[in-house]
Amino acid sequence: MRLLKGLLVLSLLVAPVGVAFAQERTGEIQGLVSDEQGAAIPGATVTAESRTLPKPLQAVTDSLGRFRFFNVPIGTYTMTVSLTGFSTHKQTVEVKLGSQITANAKLGVGQVT
């Protein structure tokens, strides 16, 4: 009887942990946008597009050139980084369950018109 009670208590303690892991269906994308010399680029627009999302995710880099997307549904994303005066940077990333993807981008100086 003692063993049965012990197993019951143990199963009640472990069950919520399994449920919590089963609920996760997302990952994160983060990165740093810099110029060719490595200086941070604040104010750049970062867009993450996927065929499975109705609209793209969008962020603007902070004063240190950083950006982050939280709770990104799993899938393949095309990342586009742009800012007036710089060339546009594109790359593809694969977000997997619970992953933390780093998608850094270096922008070159764009053409002057």
PDB file of N, CA and C in Angstrom:
ATOM      1  N   MET A   1       0.823  -1.203   0.000  1.00  0.00           N
ATOM      2  CA  MET A   1       0.000   0.000   0.000  1.00  0.00           C
ATOM      3  C   MET A   1       0.865   1.265   0.000  1.00  0.00           C
ATOM      4  N   ARG A   2       1.943   1.208   0.802  1.00  0.00           N
ATOM      5  CA  ARG A   2       2.850   2.343   0.847  1.00  0.00           C
ATOM      6  C   ARG A   2       3.472   2.616  -0.522  1.00  0.00           C
ATOM      7  N   LEU A   3       3.859   1.551  -1.204  1.00  0.00           N
ATOM      8  CA  LEU A   3       4.454   1.672  -2.519  1.00  0.00           C
ATOM      9  C   LEU A   3       3.467   2.287  -3.504  1.00  0.00           C
ATOM     10  N   LEU A   4       2.224   1.873  -3.441  1.00  0.00           N
ATOM     11  CA  LEU A   4       1.186   2.403  -4.323  1.00  0.00           C
ATOM     12  C   LEU A   4       0.970   3.894  -4.079  1.00  0.00           C
ATOM     13  N   LYS A   5       0.922   4.297  -2.818  1.00  0.00           N
ATOM     14  CA  LYS A   5       0.769   5.714  -2.493  1.00  0.00           C
ATOM     15  C   LYS A   5       1.973   6.518  -2.982  1.00  0.00           C
ATOM     16  N   GLY A   6       3.167   5.972  -2.812  1.00  0.00           N
ATOM     17  CA  GLY A   6       4.390   6.650  -3.264  1.00  0.00           C
ATOM     18  C   GLY A   6       4.391   6.849  -4.769  1.00  0.00           C
ATOM     19  N   LEU A   7       3.978   5.812  -5.512  1.00  0.00           N
ATOM     20  CA  LEU A   7       3.912   5.925  -6.967  1.00  0.00           C
ATOM     21  C   LEU A   7       2.860   6.939  -7.401  1.00  0.00           C
ATOM     22  N   LEU A   8       1.739   6.972  -6.696  1.00  0.00           N
ATOM     23  CA  LEU A   8       0.686   7.928  -7.018  1.00  0.00           C
ATOM     24  C   LEU A   8       1.174   9.363  -6.815  1.00  0.00           C
ATOM     25  N   VAL A   9       1.843   9.621  -5.691  1.00  0.00           N
ATOM     26  CA  VAL A   9       2.367  10.963  -5.410  1.00  0.00           C
ATOM     27  C   VAL A   9       3.416  11.339  -6.452  1.00  0.00           C
ATOM     28  N   LEU A  10       4.312  10.410  -6.785  1.00  0.00           N
ATOM     29  CA  LEU A  10       5.346  10.674  -7.783  1.00  0.00           C
ATOM     30  C   LEU A  10       4.745  10.994  -9.146  1.00  0.00           C
ATOM     31  N   SER A  11       3.731  10.244  -9.539  1.00  0.00           N
ATOM     32  CA  SER A  11       3.103  10.495 -10.840  1.00  0.00           C
ATOM     33  C   SER A  11       2.400  11.850 -10.868  1.00  0.00           C
ATOM     34  N   LEU A  12       1.828  12.271  -9.751  1.00  0.00           N
ATOM     35  CA  LEU A  12       1.178  13.585  -9.689  1.00  0.00           C
ATOM     36  C   LEU A  12       2.198  14.717  -9.776  1.00  0.00           C
ATOM     37  N   LEU A  13       3.404  14.486  -9.259  1.00  0.00           N
ATOM     38  CA  LEU A  13       4.444  15.507  -9.326  1.00  0.00           C
ATOM     39  C   LEU A  13       5.071  15.599 -10.714  1.00  0.00           C
ATOM     40  N   VAL A  14       5.227  14.489 -11.408  1.00  0.00           N
ATOM     41  CA  VAL A  14       5.888  14.446 -12.701  1.00  0.00           C
ATOM     42  C   VAL A  14       4.934  14.806 -13.843  1.00  0.00           C
ATOM     43  N   ALA A  15       3.667  14.523 -13.736  1.00  0.00           N
ATOM     44  CA  ALA A  15       2.700  14.746 -14.821  1.00  0.00           C
ATOM     45  C   ALA A  15       2.657  16.196 -15.308  1.00  0.00           C
ATOM     46  N   PRO A  16       2.623  17.201 -14.423  1.00  0.00           N
ATOM     47  CA  PRO A  16       2.585  18.584 -14.922  1.00  0.00           C
ATOM     48  C   PRO A  16       3.822  18.978 -15.722  1.00  0.00           C
ATOM     49  N   VAL A  17       4.975  18.412 -15.402  1.00  0.00           N
ATOM     50  CA  VAL A  17       6.191  18.723 -16.144  1.00  0.00           C
ATOM     51  C   VAL A  17       6.066  18.243 -17.577  1.00  0.00           C
ATOM     52  N   GLY A  18       5.554  17.060 -17.782  1.00  0.00           N
ATOM     53  CA  GLY A  18       5.344  16.528 -19.132  1.00  0.00           C
ATOM     54  C   GLY A  18       4.363  17.362 -19.924  1.00  0.00           C
ATOM     55  N   VAL A  19       3.316  17.823 -19.285  1.00  0.00           N
ATOM     56  CA  VAL A  19       2.311  18.651 -19.947  1.00  0.00           C
ATOM     57  C   VAL A  19       2.922  19.988 -20.355  1.00  0.00           C
ATOM     58  N   ALA A  20       3.767  20.567 -19.496  1.00  0.00           N
ATOM     59  CA  ALA A  20       4.389  21.852 -19.807  1.00  0.00           C
ATOM     60  C   ALA A  20       5.284  21.741 -21.037  1.00  0.00           C
ATOM     61  N   PHE A  21       6.084  20.678 -21.139  1.00  0.00           N
ATOM     62  CA  PHE A  21       6.937  20.509 -22.305  1.00  0.00           C
ATOM     63  C   PHE A  21       6.124  20.244 -23.554  1.00  0.00           C
ATOM     64  N   ALA A  22       5.020  19.563 -23.439  1.00  0.00           N
ATOM     65  CA  ALA A  22       4.200  19.236 -24.601  1.00  0.00           C
ATOM     66  C   ALA A  22       3.530  20.476 -25.189  1.00  0.00           C
ATOM     67  N   GLN A  23       3.373  21.536 -24.398  1.00  0.00           N
ATOM     68  CA  GLN A  23       2.690  22.737 -24.862  1.00  0.00           C
ATOM     69  C   GLN A  23       3.581  23.656 -25.692  1.00  0.00           C
ATOM     70  N   GLU A  24       4.900  23.495 -25.583  1.00  0.00           N
ATOM     71  CA  GLU A  24       5.814  24.376 -26.308  1.00  0.00           C
ATOM     72  C   GLU A  24       5.764  24.074 -27.799  1.00  0.00           C
ATOM     73  N   ARG A  25       5.511  25.100 -28.615  1.00  0.00           N
ATOM     74  CA  ARG A  25       5.433  24.946 -30.066  1.00  0.00           C
ATOM     75  C   ARG A  25       6.177  26.070 -30.780  1.00  0.00           C
ATOM     76  N   THR A  26       7.088  26.708 -30.073  1.00  0.00           N
ATOM     77  CA  THR A  26       7.752  27.872 -30.637  1.00  0.00           C
ATOM     78  C   THR A  26       9.254  27.852 -30.374  1.00  0.00           C
ATOM     79  N   GLY A  27       9.932  28.840 -30.932  1.00  0.00           N
ATOM     80  CA  GLY A  27      11.348  29.079 -30.698  1.00  0.00           C
ATOM     81  C   GLY A  27      11.584  30.575 -30.667  1.00  0.00           C
ATOM     82  N   GLU A  28      12.851  30.987 -30.744  1.00  0.00           N
ATOM     83  CA  GLU A  28      13.208  32.400 -30.745  1.00  0.00           C
ATOM     84  C   GLU A  28      14.205  32.673 -31.862  1.00  0.00           C
ATOM     85  N   ILE A  29      14.154  33.889 -32.364  1.00  0.00           N
ATOM     86  CA  ILE A  29      15.168  34.366 -33.307  1.00  0.00           C
ATOM     87  C   ILE A  29      15.719  35.661 -32.730  1.00  0.00           C
ATOM     88  N   GLN A  30      17.033  35.741 -32.640  1.00  0.00           N
ATOM     89  CA  GLN A  30      17.675  36.952 -32.145  1.00  0.00           C
ATOM     90  C   GLN A  30      18.896  37.242 -33.001  1.00  0.00           C
ATOM     91  N   GLY A  31      19.395  38.451 -32.897  1.00  0.00           N
ATOM     92  CA  GLY A  31      20.583  38.751 -33.673  1.00  0.00           C
ATOM     93  C   GLY A  31      21.087  40.146 -33.460  1.00  0.00           C
ATOM     94  N   LEU A  32      22.184  40.419 -34.153  1.00  0.00           N
ATOM     95  CA  LEU A  32      22.850  41.703 -34.099  1.00  0.00           C
ATOM     96  C   LEU A  32      23.052  42.172 -35.531  1.00  0.00           C
ATOM     97  N   VAL A  33      22.691  43.421 -35.788  1.00  0.00           N
ATOM     98  CA  VAL A  33      22.882  44.014 -37.114  1.00  0.00           C
ATOM     99  C   VAL A  33      24.029  45.012 -37.001  1.00  0.00           C
ATOM    100  N   SER A  34      25.039  44.830 -37.873  1.00  0.00           N
ATOM    101  CA  SER A  34      26.211  45.704 -37.839  1.00  0.00           C
ATOM    102  C   SER A  34      26.630  46.056 -39.264  1.00  0.00           C
ATOM    103  N   ASP A  35      27.537  47.047 -39.361  1.00  0.00           N
ATOM    104  CA  ASP A  35      28.071  47.399 -40.673  1.00  0.00           C
ATOM    105  C   ASP A  35      29.303  46.539 -40.963  1.00  0.00           C
ATOM    106  N   GLU A  36      29.936  46.783 -42.085  1.00  0.00           N
ATOM    107  CA  GLU A  36      31.079  45.954 -42.496  1.00  0.00           C
ATOM    108  C   GLU A  36      32.270  46.071 -41.546  1.00  0.00           C
ATOM    109  N   GLN A  37      32.349  47.161 -40.782  1.00  0.00           N
ATOM    110  CA  GLN A  37      33.434  47.336 -39.813  1.00  0.00           C
ATOM    111  C   GLN A  37      33.060  46.783 -38.432  1.00  0.00           C
ATOM    112  N   GLY A  38      31.841  46.308 -38.272  1.00  0.00           N
ATOM    113  CA  GLY A  38      31.415  45.726 -37.000  1.00  0.00           C
ATOM    114  C   GLY A  38      30.679  46.672 -36.080  1.00  0.00           C
ATOM    115  N   ALA A  39      30.442  47.908 -36.507  1.00  0.00           N
ATOM    116  CA  ALA A  39      29.701  48.871 -35.682  1.00  0.00           C
ATOM    117  C   ALA A  39      28.212  48.547 -35.718  1.00  0.00           C
ATOM    118  N   ALA A  40      27.564  48.636 -34.570  1.00  0.00           N
ATOM    119  CA  ALA A  40      26.134  48.349 -34.470  1.00  0.00           C
ATOM    120  C   ALA A  40      25.322  49.324 -35.307  1.00  0.00           C
ATOM    121  N   ILE A  41      24.232  48.811 -35.888  1.00  0.00           N
ATOM    122  CA  ILE A  41      23.334  49.648 -36.681  1.00  0.00           C
ATOM    123  C   ILE A  41      21.972  49.710 -35.978  1.00  0.00           C
ATOM    124  N   PRO A  42      21.689  50.814 -35.284  1.00  0.00           N
ATOM    125  CA  PRO A  42      20.366  50.971 -34.674  1.00  0.00           C
ATOM    126  C   PRO A  42      19.343  51.413 -35.711  1.00  0.00           C
ATOM    127  N   GLY A  43      18.088  51.089 -35.476  1.00  0.00           N
ATOM    128  CA  GLY A  43      17.000  51.551 -36.334  1.00  0.00           C
ATOM    129  C   GLY A  43      16.775  50.755 -37.600  1.00  0.00           C
ATOM    130  N   ALA A  44      17.478  49.630 -37.777  1.00  0.00           N
ATOM    131  CA  ALA A  44      17.254  48.786 -38.957  1.00  0.00           C
ATOM    132  C   ALA A  44      15.968  47.985 -38.774  1.00  0.00           C
ATOM    133  N   THR A  45      15.246  47.785 -39.858  1.00  0.00           N
ATOM    134  CA  THR A  45      14.019  46.995 -39.817  1.00  0.00           C
ATOM    135  C   THR A  45      14.357  45.545 -40.129  1.00  0.00           C
ATOM    136  N   VAL A  46      13.906  44.644 -39.248  1.00  0.00           N
ATOM    137  CA  VAL A  46      14.135  43.211 -39.419  1.00  0.00           C
ATOM    138  C   VAL A  46      12.772  42.552 -39.599  1.00  0.00           C
ATOM    139  N   THR A  47      12.615  41.819 -40.698  1.00  0.00           N
ATOM    140  CA  THR A  47      11.355  41.149 -41.005  1.00  0.00           C
ATOM    141  C   THR A  47      11.596  39.645 -41.133  1.00  0.00           C
ATOM    142  N   ALA A  48      10.724  38.856 -40.532  1.00  0.00           N
ATOM    143  CA  ALA A  48      10.787  37.400 -40.642  1.00  0.00           C
ATOM    144  C   ALA A  48       9.487  36.929 -41.288  1.00  0.00           C
ATOM    145  N   GLU A  49       9.588  36.361 -42.499  1.00  0.00           N
ATOM    146  CA  GLU A  49       8.406  35.918 -43.238  1.00  0.00           C
ATOM    147  C   GLU A  49       8.404  34.400 -43.376  1.00  0.00           C
ATOM    148  N   SER A  50       7.208  33.822 -43.278  1.00  0.00           N
ATOM    149  CA  SER A  50       7.024  32.391 -43.457  1.00  0.00           C
ATOM    150  C   SER A  50       5.705  32.153 -44.182  1.00  0.00           C
ATOM    151  N   ARG A  51       5.667  31.117 -44.991  1.00  0.00           N
ATOM    152  CA  ARG A  51       4.422  30.788 -45.702  1.00  0.00           C
ATOM    153  C   ARG A  51       3.304  30.399 -44.747  1.00  0.00           C
ATOM    154  N   THR A  52       3.665  29.969 -43.536  1.00  0.00           N
ATOM    155  CA  THR A  52       2.660  29.513 -42.577  1.00  0.00           C
ATOM    156  C   THR A  52       2.072  30.629 -41.725  1.00  0.00           C
ATOM    157  N   LEU A  53       2.656  31.844 -41.800  1.00  0.00           N
ATOM    158  CA  LEU A  53       2.128  32.968 -41.018  1.00  0.00           C
ATOM    159  C   LEU A  53       1.295  33.885 -41.904  1.00  0.00           C
ATOM    160  N   PRO A  54       0.174  34.382 -41.382  1.00  0.00           N
ATOM    161  CA  PRO A  54      -0.656  35.294 -42.183  1.00  0.00           C
ATOM    162  C   PRO A  54       0.016  36.647 -42.434  1.00  0.00           C
ATOM    163  N   LYS A  55       0.846  37.096 -41.503  1.00  0.00           N
ATOM    164  CA  LYS A  55       1.586  38.346 -41.709  1.00  0.00           C
ATOM    165  C   LYS A  55       2.990  38.166 -41.134  1.00  0.00           C
ATOM    166  N   PRO A  56       3.972  38.881 -41.692  1.00  0.00           N
ATOM    167  CA  PRO A  56       5.356  38.718 -41.218  1.00  0.00           C
ATOM    168  C   PRO A  56       5.573  39.295 -39.823  1.00  0.00           C
ATOM    169  N   LEU A  57       6.595  38.786 -39.146  1.00  0.00           N
ATOM    170  CA  LEU A  57       7.033  39.346 -37.871  1.00  0.00           C
ATOM    171  C   LEU A  57       7.967  40.505 -38.191  1.00  0.00           C
ATOM    172  N   GLN A  58       7.937  41.560 -37.383  1.00  0.00           N
ATOM    173  CA  GLN A  58       8.777  42.711 -37.673  1.00  0.00           C
ATOM    174  C   GLN A  58       9.313  43.315 -36.377  1.00  0.00           C
ATOM    175  N   ALA A  59      10.566  43.736 -36.421  1.00  0.00           N
ATOM    176  CA  ALA A  59      11.211  44.382 -35.274  1.00  0.00           C
ATOM    177  C   ALA A  59      12.149  45.459 -35.804  1.00  0.00           C
ATOM    178  N   VAL A  60      12.539  46.358 -34.912  1.00  0.00           N
ATOM    179  CA  VAL A  60      13.511  47.401 -35.233  1.00  0.00           C
ATOM    180  C   VAL A  60      14.667  47.228 -34.255  1.00  0.00           C
ATOM    181  N   THR A  61      15.907  47.299 -34.767  1.00  0.00           N
ATOM    182  CA  THR A  61      17.060  47.116 -33.902  1.00  0.00           C
ATOM    183  C   THR A  61      17.172  48.242 -32.875  1.00  0.00           C
ATOM    184  N   ASP A  62      17.647  47.878 -31.684  1.00  0.00           N
ATOM    185  CA  ASP A  62      17.804  48.863 -30.613  1.00  0.00           C
ATOM    186  C   ASP A  62      19.112  49.648 -30.793  1.00  0.00           C
ATOM    187  N   SER A  63      19.480  50.444 -29.810  1.00  0.00           N
ATOM    188  CA  SER A  63      20.670  51.299 -29.917  1.00  0.00           C
ATOM    189  C   SER A  63      21.967  50.503 -30.040  1.00  0.00           C
ATOM    190  N   LEU A  64      21.938  49.229 -29.688  1.00  0.00           N
ATOM    191  CA  LEU A  64      23.113  48.362 -29.802  1.00  0.00           C
ATOM    192  C   LEU A  64      23.042  47.454 -31.025  1.00  0.00           C
ATOM    193  N   GLY A  65      22.017  47.678 -31.880  1.00  0.00           N
ATOM    194  CA  GLY A  65      21.866  46.885 -33.098  1.00  0.00           C
ATOM    195  C   GLY A  65      21.231  45.528 -32.887  1.00  0.00           C
ATOM    196  N   ARG A  66      20.647  45.294 -31.740  1.00  0.00           N
ATOM    197  CA  ARG A  66      20.059  43.985 -31.414  1.00  0.00           C
ATOM    198  C   ARG A  66      18.573  43.927 -31.746  1.00  0.00           C
ATOM    199  N   PHE A  67      18.117  42.714 -32.056  1.00  0.00           N
ATOM    200  CA  PHE A  67      16.689  42.462 -32.236  1.00  0.00           C
ATOM    201  C   PHE A  67      16.375  41.079 -31.682  1.00  0.00           C
ATOM    202  N   ARG A  68      15.088  40.836 -31.396  1.00  0.00           N
ATOM    203  CA  ARG A  68      14.672  39.527 -30.884  1.00  0.00           C
ATOM    204  C   ARG A  68      13.195  39.311 -31.178  1.00  0.00           C
ATOM    205  N   PHE A  69      12.889  38.113 -31.667  1.00  0.00           N
ATOM    206  CA  PHE A  69      11.508  37.672 -31.853  1.00  0.00           C
ATOM    207  C   PHE A  69      11.257  36.536 -30.864  1.00  0.00           C
ATOM    208  N   PHE A  70      10.245  36.697 -30.016  1.00  0.00           N
ATOM    209  CA  PHE A  70       9.857  35.665 -29.059  1.00  0.00           C
ATOM    210  C   PHE A  70       8.684  34.862 -29.609  1.00  0.00           C
ATOM    211  N   ASN A  71       8.503  33.653 -29.119  1.00  0.00           N
ATOM    212  CA  ASN A  71       7.350  32.802 -29.458  1.00  0.00           C
ATOM    213  C   ASN A  71       7.135  32.694 -30.963  1.00  0.00           C
ATOM    214  N   VAL A  72       8.195  32.385 -31.691  1.00  0.00           N
ATOM    215  CA  VAL A  72       8.128  32.230 -33.141  1.00  0.00           C
ATOM    216  C   VAL A  72       7.667  30.802 -33.451  1.00  0.00           C
ATOM    217  N   PRO A  73       6.558  30.628 -34.163  1.00  0.00           N
ATOM    218  CA  PRO A  73       6.111  29.280 -34.520  1.00  0.00           C
ATOM    219  C   PRO A  73       7.184  28.539 -35.325  1.00  0.00           C
ATOM    220  N   ILE A  74       7.278  27.233 -35.122  1.00  0.00           N
ATOM    221  CA  ILE A  74       8.288  26.458 -35.837  1.00  0.00           C
ATOM    222  C   ILE A  74       8.070  26.556 -37.341  1.00  0.00           C
ATOM    223  N   GLY A  75       9.165  26.511 -38.094  1.00  0.00           N
ATOM    224  CA  GLY A  75       9.088  26.595 -39.544  1.00  0.00           C
ATOM    225  C   GLY A  75      10.292  27.287 -40.148  1.00  0.00           C
ATOM    226  N   THR A  76      10.257  27.474 -41.452  1.00  0.00           N
ATOM    227  CA  THR A  76      11.333  28.135 -42.195  1.00  0.00           C
ATOM    228  C   THR A  76      10.966  29.598 -42.415  1.00  0.00           C
ATOM    229  N   TYR A  77      11.913  30.484 -42.147  1.00  0.00           N
ATOM    230  CA  TYR A  77      11.675  31.920 -42.250  1.00  0.00           C
ATOM    231  C   TYR A  77      12.717  32.570 -43.149  1.00  0.00           C
ATOM    232  N   THR A  78      12.275  33.538 -43.954  1.00  0.00           N
ATOM    233  CA  THR A  78      13.185  34.388 -44.706  1.00  0.00           C
ATOM    234  C   THR A  78      13.340  35.666 -43.901  1.00  0.00           C
ATOM    235  N   MET A  79      14.572  35.936 -43.486  1.00  0.00           N
ATOM    236  CA  MET A  79      14.872  37.115 -42.694  1.00  0.00           C
ATOM    237  C   MET A  79      15.387  38.202 -43.634  1.00  0.00           C
ATOM    238  N   THR A  80      14.798  39.393 -43.548  1.00  0.00           N
ATOM    239  CA  THR A  80      15.228  40.529 -44.356  1.00  0.00           C
ATOM    240  C   THR A  80      15.569  41.671 -43.417  1.00  0.00           C
ATOM    241  N   VAL A  81      16.770  42.233 -43.585  1.00  0.00           N
ATOM    242  CA  VAL A  81      17.216  43.363 -42.769  1.00  0.00           C
ATOM    243  C   VAL A  81      17.484  44.532 -43.708  1.00  0.00           C
ATOM    244  N   SER A  82      16.892  45.688 -43.402  1.00  0.00           N
ATOM    245  CA  SER A  82      17.065  46.841 -44.281  1.00  0.00           C
ATOM    246  C   SER A  82      17.095  48.145 -43.489  1.00  0.00           C
ATOM    247  N   LEU A  83      17.788  49.106 -44.070  1.00  0.00           N
ATOM    248  CA  LEU A  83      17.841  50.462 -43.542  1.00  0.00           C
ATOM    249  C   LEU A  83      18.301  51.353 -44.684  1.00  0.00           C
ATOM    250  N   THR A  84      17.663  52.498 -44.834  1.00  0.00           N
ATOM    251  CA  THR A  84      18.029  53.438 -45.900  1.00  0.00           C
ATOM    252  C   THR A  84      19.516  53.764 -45.817  1.00  0.00           C
ATOM    253  N   GLY A  85      20.182  53.706 -46.966  1.00  0.00           N
ATOM    254  CA  GLY A  85      21.606  53.995 -47.031  1.00  0.00           C
ATOM    255  C   GLY A  85      22.482  52.754 -46.953  1.00  0.00           C
ATOM    256  N   PHE A  86      21.870  51.586 -46.673  1.00  0.00           N
ATOM    257  CA  PHE A  86      22.606  50.332 -46.588  1.00  0.00           C
ATOM    258  C   PHE A  86      22.013  49.319 -47.554  1.00  0.00           C
ATOM    259  N   SER A  87      22.816  48.338 -47.936  1.00  0.00           N
ATOM    260  CA  SER A  87      22.298  47.247 -48.768  1.00  0.00           C
ATOM    261  C   SER A  87      21.389  46.365 -47.915  1.00  0.00           C
ATOM    262  N   THR A  88      20.429  45.707 -48.556  1.00  0.00           N
ATOM    263  CA  THR A  88      19.500  44.813 -47.861  1.00  0.00           C
ATOM    264  C   THR A  88      20.154  43.440 -47.687  1.00  0.00           C
ATOM    265  N   HIS A  89      19.955  42.857 -46.521  1.00  0.00           N
ATOM    266  CA  HIS A  89      20.518  41.533 -46.213  1.00  0.00           C
ATOM    267  C   HIS A  89      19.369  40.532 -46.089  1.00  0.00           C
ATOM    268  N   LYS A  90      19.492  39.374 -46.757  1.00  0.00           N
ATOM    269  CA  LYS A  90      18.479  38.309 -46.651  1.00  0.00           C
ATOM    270  C   LYS A  90      19.161  37.008 -46.276  1.00  0.00           C
ATOM    271  N   GLN A  91      18.478  36.214 -45.454  1.00  0.00           N
ATOM    272  CA  GLN A  91      18.942  34.876 -45.112  1.00  0.00           C
ATOM    273  C   GLN A  91      17.755  34.025 -44.697  1.00  0.00           C
ATOM    274  N   THR A  92      17.931  32.722 -44.773  1.00  0.00           N
ATOM    275  CA  THR A  92      16.879  31.786 -44.384  1.00  0.00           C
ATOM    276  C   THR A  92      17.284  31.096 -43.088  1.00  0.00           C
ATOM    277  N   VAL A  93      16.338  31.005 -42.152  1.00  0.00           N
ATOM    278  CA  VAL A  93      16.591  30.307 -40.888  1.00  0.00           C
ATOM    279  C   VAL A  93      15.489  29.288 -40.646  1.00  0.00           C
ATOM    280  N   GLU A  94      15.831  28.238 -39.942  1.00  0.00           N
ATOM    281  CA  GLU A  94      14.888  27.173 -39.593  1.00  0.00           C
ATOM    282  C   GLU A  94      14.667  27.213 -38.086  1.00  0.00           C
ATOM    283  N   VAL A  95      13.433  27.526 -37.669  1.00  0.00           N
ATOM    284  CA  VAL A  95      13.092  27.557 -36.248  1.00  0.00           C
ATOM    285  C   VAL A  95      12.525  26.195 -35.874  1.00  0.00           C
ATOM    286  N   LYS A  96      13.154  25.579 -34.889  1.00  0.00           N
ATOM    287  CA  LYS A  96      12.714  24.271 -34.400  1.00  0.00           C
ATOM    288  C   LYS A  96      12.160  24.421 -32.998  1.00  0.00           C
ATOM    289  N   LEU A  97      11.514  23.417 -32.536  1.00  0.00           N
ATOM    290  CA  LEU A  97      10.883  23.409 -31.228  1.00  0.00           C
ATOM    291  C   LEU A  97      11.872  23.785 -30.128  1.00  0.00           C
ATOM    292  N   GLY A  98      11.613  24.883 -29.429  1.00  0.00           N
ATOM    293  CA  GLY A  98      12.444  25.313 -28.315  1.00  0.00           C
ATOM    294  C   GLY A  98      13.793  25.888 -28.708  1.00  0.00           C
ATOM    295  N   SER A  99      14.025  26.130 -29.995  1.00  0.00           N
ATOM    296  CA  SER A  99      15.337  26.606 -30.440  1.00  0.00           C
ATOM    297  C   SER A  99      15.508  28.099 -30.200  1.00  0.00           C
ATOM    298  N   GLN A 100      16.768  28.512 -30.091  1.00  0.00           N
ATOM    299  CA  GLN A 100      17.138  29.922 -29.995  1.00  0.00           C
ATOM    300  C   GLN A 100      18.112  30.183 -31.136  1.00  0.00           C
ATOM    301  N   ILE A 101      17.586  30.697 -32.221  1.00  0.00           N
ATOM    302  CA  ILE A 101      18.369  30.925 -33.429  1.00  0.00           C
ATOM    303  C   ILE A 101      19.036  32.299 -33.366  1.00  0.00           C
ATOM    304  N   THR A 102      20.322  32.355 -33.729  1.00  0.00           N
ATOM    305  CA  THR A 102      21.018  33.624 -33.852  1.00  0.00           C
ATOM    306  C   THR A 102      21.186  33.922 -35.334  1.00  0.00           C
ATOM    307  N   ALA A 103      20.636  35.060 -35.767  1.00  0.00           N
ATOM    308  CA  ALA A 103      20.670  35.446 -37.179  1.00  0.00           C
ATOM    309  C   ALA A 103      21.294  36.839 -37.283  1.00  0.00           C
ATOM    310  N   ASN A 104      22.615  36.901 -37.156  1.00  0.00           N
ATOM    311  CA  ASN A 104      23.326  38.177 -37.270  1.00  0.00           C
ATOM    312  C   ASN A 104      23.366  38.617 -38.734  1.00  0.00           C
ATOM    313  N   ALA A 105      23.450  39.921 -38.948  1.00  0.00           N
ATOM    314  CA  ALA A 105      23.497  40.453 -40.319  1.00  0.00           C
ATOM    315  C   ALA A 105      24.507  41.590 -40.404  1.00  0.00           C
ATOM    316  N   LYS A 106      25.297  41.569 -41.461  1.00  0.00           N
ATOM    317  CA  LYS A 106      26.226  42.673 -41.748  1.00  0.00           C
ATOM    318  C   LYS A 106      25.686  43.395 -42.967  1.00  0.00           C
ATOM    319  N   LEU A 107      25.505  44.694 -42.839  1.00  0.00           N
ATOM    320  CA  LEU A 107      24.994  45.501 -43.949  1.00  0.00           C
ATOM    321  C   LEU A 107      26.124  46.324 -44.549  1.00  0.00           C
ATOM    322  N   GLY A 108      26.211  46.297 -45.878  1.00  0.00           N
ATOM    323  CA  GLY A 108      27.174  47.133 -46.587  1.00  0.00           C
ATOM    324  C   GLY A 108      26.534  48.470 -46.906  1.00  0.00           C
ATOM    325  N   VAL A 109      27.368  49.440 -47.191  1.00  0.00           N
ATOM    326  CA  VAL A 109      26.864  50.750 -47.570  1.00  0.00           C
ATOM    327  C   VAL A 109      26.180  50.611 -48.926  1.00  0.00           C
ATOM    328  N   GLY A 110      24.971  51.164 -49.052  1.00  0.00           N
ATOM    329  CA  GLY A 110      24.201  51.076 -50.281  1.00  0.00           C
ATOM    330  C   GLY A 110      24.641  52.104 -51.303  1.00  0.00           C
ATOM    331  N   GLN A 111      24.060  52.021 -52.464  1.00  0.00           N
ATOM    332  CA  GLN A 111      24.373  52.975 -53.521  1.00  0.00           C
ATOM    333  C   GLN A 111      23.754  54.326 -53.225  1.00  0.00           C
ATOM    334  N   VAL A 112      24.497  55.356 -53.494  1.00  0.00           N
ATOM    335  CA  VAL A 112      23.996  56.726 -53.314  1.00  0.00           C
ATOM    336  C   VAL A 112      23.328  57.157 -54.613  1.00  0.00           C
ATOM    337  N   THR A 113      22.119  57.702 -54.520  1.00  0.00           N
ATOM    338  CA  THR A 113      21.411  58.140 -55.728  1.00  0.00           C
ATOM    339  C   THR A 113      21.260  59.652 -55.739  1.00  0.00           C
TER     340      THR A 113
END
